[in-house]
Amino acid sequence: MNKNSLLKRTPVRLSLYYILLFSFSVSILLIAIYFRADNEFKKRLSKSIMYERTLMLDLYREQGFSEVAEEISERTAKSGNNVFFYKLWDKDGRLMAGNLPNISFVEGWSTIALPEIETGYKNGRNSSQSDDQGTVPGLMLGTRLSSATLAIAVRRNRIQELREIMLEGLGWAVGLTILLAFLGGVILSRVSMRRIAEITLTSQDIMSGNLSRRLPIRGSGDELDQLSGSINVMLERIEQLMANIKQ
C-alpha cells in the first residue's frame, strides 16, 4: 500500500487531524504558561528592588544620610552574599558608598550591565576586579532624596537562567505531547480501520448473495454503529421481501 492510498483513508486523515489539533492546543497552553511565568518573574524582581528602596528611604528619614551610607557599606562588604547592588551620592554628586560599577545616575527604572562578581566601595574608591570580567544584564531603580541620590540594582541573569530552564522543559513537553498524540492517533486509526474492515468483509458477503449476514454493531452508539444499524434494518426488509417473492 503506497503513501497516497493510505492518506486517502478517512481514519488515517482523522488521526492526523487529531495529532495536529492536540499538539497545537497543548503547545499553545505551554507557551501561555511560559510567558505568564516569565512576566511573574519580572514583577517579583521589580518588587524586590522597590522593597529594598523602601527600607533605605525609611532609614534615611529616621536616621539620616550617614546611616544609609553606613548600612550600604556594611551590606556591600559582605562580598558574594548580597543580592543587590547599591550606589549612594551626596548632594554634591560625590560617591559615598556602594558597589555598582561606574555609572551615571538615572532616575526611575533603567537597564544596566552588572559584573558577574560583586564589587565593593572602600576608602572612596571602587574595589573591582579586572576590566575584562564578564557582565550580566541588570535592572536598576534610581531615586532622588532631599540631600542625596540613591540607585539600587539587581542582576537579571537569574531570569535568563529560568527562561532557559523553562524553554528546555517546554521543548521536552512539546516533544512528549507530539509523541503521545501520535500514539493516540495510531490507536484510533487502527481501531477505526479494524471496524471498517469488518464492515467491508460483511458487505462483500452480502453482495455475494448471503442476505442473512448483518453488519457488526459494538454497542458504542457512534456513527458506525448507527450506520450499521440502519443498513441492517434495510437488509431485514430486503430479506423479507425476497422471502415473500419466493413464496
Protein backbone atom coordinates (compact mmCIF):
# COMPACT_ATOMS: atom_id res chain seq x y z
CA MET A 1 0.00 0.00 0.00
CA ASN A 2 1.54 3.30 -1.09
CA LYS A 3 1.53 6.50 0.90
CA ASN A 4 -1.08 8.26 -1.25
CA SER A 5 -3.66 5.50 -0.86
CA LEU A 6 -3.01 5.39 2.88
CA LEU A 7 -3.59 9.13 3.25
CA LYS A 8 -6.89 8.81 1.37
CA ARG A 9 -8.31 6.66 4.14
CA THR A 10 -10.71 8.55 6.40
CA PRO A 11 -9.40 7.04 9.70
CA VAL A 12 -5.85 7.98 8.80
CA ARG A 13 -6.83 11.55 7.93
CA LEU A 14 -8.87 11.86 11.12
CA SER A 15 -5.92 10.59 13.13
CA LEU A 16 -3.64 13.16 11.50
CA TYR A 17 -6.16 15.89 12.28
CA TYR A 18 -6.28 14.65 15.87
CA ILE A 19 -2.48 14.72 16.16
CA LEU A 20 -2.26 18.26 14.76
CA LEU A 21 -5.11 19.65 16.85
CA PHE A 22 -3.97 18.01 20.08
CA SER A 23 -0.34 19.07 19.60
CA PHE A 24 -1.32 22.62 18.66
CA SER A 25 -3.65 23.02 21.66
CA VAL A 26 -1.13 21.74 24.20
CA SER A 27 1.68 23.80 22.63
CA ILE A 28 -0.41 26.98 22.90
CA LEU A 29 -1.16 26.17 26.54
CA LEU A 30 2.52 25.58 27.36
CA ILE A 31 3.60 28.78 25.60
CA ALA A 32 0.98 30.76 27.54
CA ILE A 33 2.29 29.28 30.79
CA TYR A 34 5.86 30.21 29.81
CA PHE A 35 5.04 33.86 29.14
CA ARG A 36 2.89 34.08 32.27
CA ALA A 37 5.72 32.72 34.41
CA ASP A 38 8.29 34.99 32.73
CA ASN A 39 6.13 38.03 33.42
CA GLU A 40 5.69 36.95 37.04
CA PHE A 41 9.47 36.64 37.47
CA LYS A 42 9.94 40.20 36.18
CA LYS A 43 7.31 41.52 38.57
CA ARG A 44 8.90 39.80 41.53
CA LEU A 45 12.30 41.23 40.59
CA SER A 46 10.90 44.76 40.40
CA LYS A 47 9.06 44.34 43.70
CA SER A 48 12.24 43.17 45.42
CA ILE A 49 14.07 46.35 44.33
CA MET A 50 11.15 48.55 45.39
CA TYR A 51 11.04 46.85 48.78
CA GLU A 52 14.78 47.40 49.26
CA ARG A 53 14.39 51.05 48.30
CA THR A 54 11.58 51.43 50.85
CA LEU A 55 13.89 50.11 53.59
CA MET A 56 16.59 52.60 52.63
CA LEU A 57 14.13 55.51 52.46
CA ASP A 58 12.76 54.68 55.89
CA LEU A 59 16.30 54.57 57.28
CA TYR A 60 17.08 57.91 55.60
CA ARG A 61 14.03 59.62 57.12
CA GLU A 62 14.56 58.17 60.57
CA GLN A 63 18.35 58.34 60.98
CA GLY A 64 19.71 60.44 58.13
CA PHE A 65 22.15 60.22 55.26
CA SER A 66 25.14 58.92 57.23
CA GLU A 67 23.25 55.89 58.48
CA VAL A 68 22.18 54.98 54.94
CA ALA A 69 25.80 55.21 53.78
CA GLU A 70 26.94 53.04 56.69
CA GLU A 71 24.22 50.47 56.05
CA ILE A 72 25.14 50.22 52.36
CA SER A 73 28.83 49.91 53.22
CA GLU A 74 28.10 47.07 55.62
CA ARG A 75 25.98 45.25 53.06
CA THR A 76 28.43 45.60 50.19
CA ALA A 77 31.32 44.49 52.43
CA LYS A 78 29.75 41.03 52.51
CA SER A 79 31.08 40.05 49.09
CA GLY A 80 29.20 37.23 47.43
CA ASN A 81 26.34 37.30 49.95
CA ASN A 82 24.47 40.35 48.70
CA VAL A 83 21.77 40.12 46.04
CA PHE A 84 21.58 43.88 45.46
CA PHE A 85 23.96 46.48 44.08
CA TYR A 86 23.92 49.99 45.54
CA LYS A 87 25.28 53.44 44.85
CA LEU A 88 24.81 56.47 47.08
CA TRP A 89 25.83 60.03 46.13
CA ASP A 90 25.72 63.07 48.36
CA LYS A 91 24.05 66.34 47.30
CA ASP A 92 27.25 67.44 45.54
CA GLY A 93 27.38 64.26 43.45
CA ARG A 94 30.25 62.65 45.36
CA LEU A 95 30.11 58.88 45.68
CA MET A 96 29.78 57.88 49.32
CA ALA A 97 29.01 54.16 49.28
CA GLY A 98 28.03 51.30 47.02
CA ASN A 99 29.26 48.50 44.81
CA LEU A 100 27.70 49.49 41.49
CA PRO A 101 30.17 49.94 38.61
CA ASN A 102 30.90 53.44 37.31
CA ILE A 103 27.54 54.69 36.09
CA SER A 104 25.71 57.99 35.86
CA PHE A 105 22.61 58.48 37.95
CA VAL A 106 19.35 57.82 36.12
CA GLU A 107 16.09 58.50 37.90
CA GLY A 108 13.49 55.76 37.66
CA TRP A 109 13.88 52.36 36.05
CA SER A 110 16.73 51.55 33.67
CA THR A 111 18.72 48.56 32.45
CA ILE A 112 22.47 48.35 33.01
CA ALA A 113 25.32 45.87 32.73
CA LEU A 114 26.40 44.43 36.07
CA PRO A 115 29.54 42.44 36.82
CA GLU A 116 29.21 38.71 37.34
CA ILE A 117 31.29 39.14 40.51
CA GLU A 118 30.36 41.77 43.07
CA THR A 119 32.45 44.90 43.52
CA GLY A 120 32.78 46.97 46.65
CA TYR A 121 33.31 50.59 47.60
CA LYS A 122 36.06 51.24 50.13
CA ASN A 123 38.02 54.35 51.06
CA GLY A 124 36.37 56.47 48.36
CA ARG A 125 37.20 54.05 45.52
CA ASN A 126 35.53 51.13 43.81
CA SER A 127 37.38 47.90 44.64
CA SER A 128 36.57 45.92 41.50
CA GLN A 129 38.01 43.02 39.65
CA SER A 130 39.85 43.24 36.36
CA ASP A 131 38.30 45.18 33.48
CA ASP A 132 37.81 42.02 31.41
CA GLN A 133 35.41 40.40 33.89
CA GLY A 134 32.11 39.25 32.47
CA THR A 135 28.90 41.21 32.76
CA VAL A 136 25.25 40.23 33.00
CA PRO A 137 22.10 42.30 32.38
CA GLY A 138 20.74 44.16 35.39
CA LEU A 139 17.72 46.22 36.42
CA MET A 140 18.28 49.49 38.30
CA LEU A 141 15.99 51.93 40.14
CA GLY A 142 17.24 55.46 40.80
CA THR A 143 15.71 57.72 43.46
CA ARG A 144 16.36 61.36 44.33
CA LEU A 145 16.40 62.21 48.03
CA SER A 146 16.41 65.67 49.60
CA SER A 147 20.17 65.67 50.13
CA ALA A 148 21.32 62.61 48.20
CA THR A 149 20.67 60.28 45.30
CA LEU A 150 20.35 56.51 45.58
CA ALA A 151 20.50 53.72 42.99
CA ILE A 152 19.67 50.09 43.66
CA ALA A 153 20.15 47.33 41.10
CA VAL A 154 19.90 43.58 40.84
CA ARG A 155 21.14 41.06 38.29
CA ARG A 156 18.65 39.72 35.75
CA ASN A 157 20.71 36.69 34.81
CA ARG A 158 18.58 34.53 37.09
CA ILE A 159 15.59 35.36 34.93
CA GLN A 160 17.61 34.31 31.88
CA GLU A 161 18.57 31.06 33.61
CA LEU A 162 14.93 30.41 34.48
CA ARG A 163 13.96 31.17 30.88
CA GLU A 164 16.47 28.63 29.62
CA ILE A 165 15.15 26.03 32.08
CA MET A 166 11.56 26.74 31.06
CA LEU A 167 12.40 26.65 27.35
CA GLU A 168 14.15 23.32 27.78
CA GLY A 169 11.16 21.97 29.70
CA LEU A 170 8.84 23.42 27.07
CA GLY A 171 10.76 21.64 24.33
CA TRP A 172 10.54 18.30 26.14
CA ALA A 173 6.85 18.84 26.89
CA VAL A 174 6.02 19.66 23.25
CA GLY A 175 8.02 16.66 22.04
CA LEU A 176 6.28 14.36 24.52
CA THR A 177 2.91 15.84 23.53
CA ILE A 178 3.54 15.13 19.85
CA LEU A 179 4.64 11.58 20.68
CA LEU A 180 1.55 10.91 22.81
CA ALA A 181 -0.68 12.47 20.16
CA PHE A 182 0.92 10.26 17.52
CA LEU A 183 0.42 7.13 19.61
CA GLY A 184 -3.17 8.12 20.31
CA GLY A 185 -3.76 8.78 16.63
CA VAL A 186 -2.29 5.40 15.67
CA ILE A 187 -4.52 3.62 18.19
CA LEU A 188 -7.62 5.48 16.99
CA SER A 189 -6.71 4.78 13.38
CA ARG A 190 -6.22 1.04 13.98
CA VAL A 191 -9.49 0.72 15.91
CA SER A 192 -11.41 2.59 13.22
CA MET A 193 -9.77 0.69 10.36
CA ARG A 194 -10.45 -2.64 12.07
CA ARG A 195 -14.15 -1.82 12.36
CA ILE A 196 -14.30 -0.60 8.78
CA ALA A 197 -12.56 -3.79 7.63
CA GLU A 198 -15.21 -5.88 9.44
CA ILE A 199 -17.98 -3.88 7.79
CA THR A 200 -16.30 -4.23 4.38
CA LEU A 201 -15.96 -8.03 4.66
CA THR A 202 -19.57 -8.41 5.79
CA SER A 203 -20.75 -6.18 2.95
CA GLN A 204 -18.87 -8.33 0.43
CA ASP A 205 -20.64 -11.45 1.76
CA ILE A 206 -23.99 -9.70 1.47
CA MET A 207 -23.23 -8.57 -2.09
CA SER A 208 -22.33 -12.18 -2.98
CA GLY A 209 -25.88 -13.17 -2.06
CA ASN A 210 -25.77 -14.04 1.63
CA LEU A 211 -28.56 -11.74 2.82
CA SER A 212 -28.62 -13.37 6.25
CA ARG A 213 -25.38 -11.62 7.22
CA ARG A 214 -25.57 -8.44 9.27
CA LEU A 215 -23.10 -5.65 9.80
CA PRO A 216 -21.38 -5.81 13.21
CA ILE A 217 -22.62 -3.46 15.94
CA ARG A 218 -20.45 -2.93 19.01
CA GLY A 219 -22.99 -1.03 21.09
CA SER A 220 -20.92 2.14 21.38
CA GLY A 221 -23.65 4.21 19.74
CA ASP A 222 -21.21 6.01 17.46
CA GLU A 223 -21.72 6.88 13.81
CA LEU A 224 -20.50 3.49 12.58
CA ASP A 225 -22.97 1.71 14.87
CA GLN A 226 -25.79 3.95 13.65
CA LEU A 227 -24.86 3.33 10.01
CA SER A 228 -24.59 -0.41 10.57
CA GLY A 229 -27.96 -0.46 12.35
CA SER A 230 -29.68 1.40 9.51
CA ILE A 231 -28.19 -0.94 6.90
CA ASN A 232 -29.18 -4.00 8.96
CA VAL A 233 -32.78 -2.78 9.11
CA MET A 234 -32.74 -2.31 5.35
CA LEU A 235 -31.29 -5.81 4.88
CA GLU A 236 -34.03 -7.34 7.04
CA ARG A 237 -36.70 -5.69 4.90
CA ILE A 238 -34.98 -6.80 1.71
CA GLU A 239 -34.71 -10.35 3.08
CA GLN A 240 -38.42 -10.32 3.95
CA LEU A 241 -39.31 -9.06 0.50
CA MET A 242 -37.20 -11.77 -1.11
CA ALA A 243 -38.88 -14.39 1.06
CA ASN A 244 -42.33 -13.12 0.08
CA ILE A 245 -41.36 -13.20 -3.58
CA LYS A 246 -40.20 -16.81 -3.31
CA GLN A 247 -43.50 -17.78 -1.71
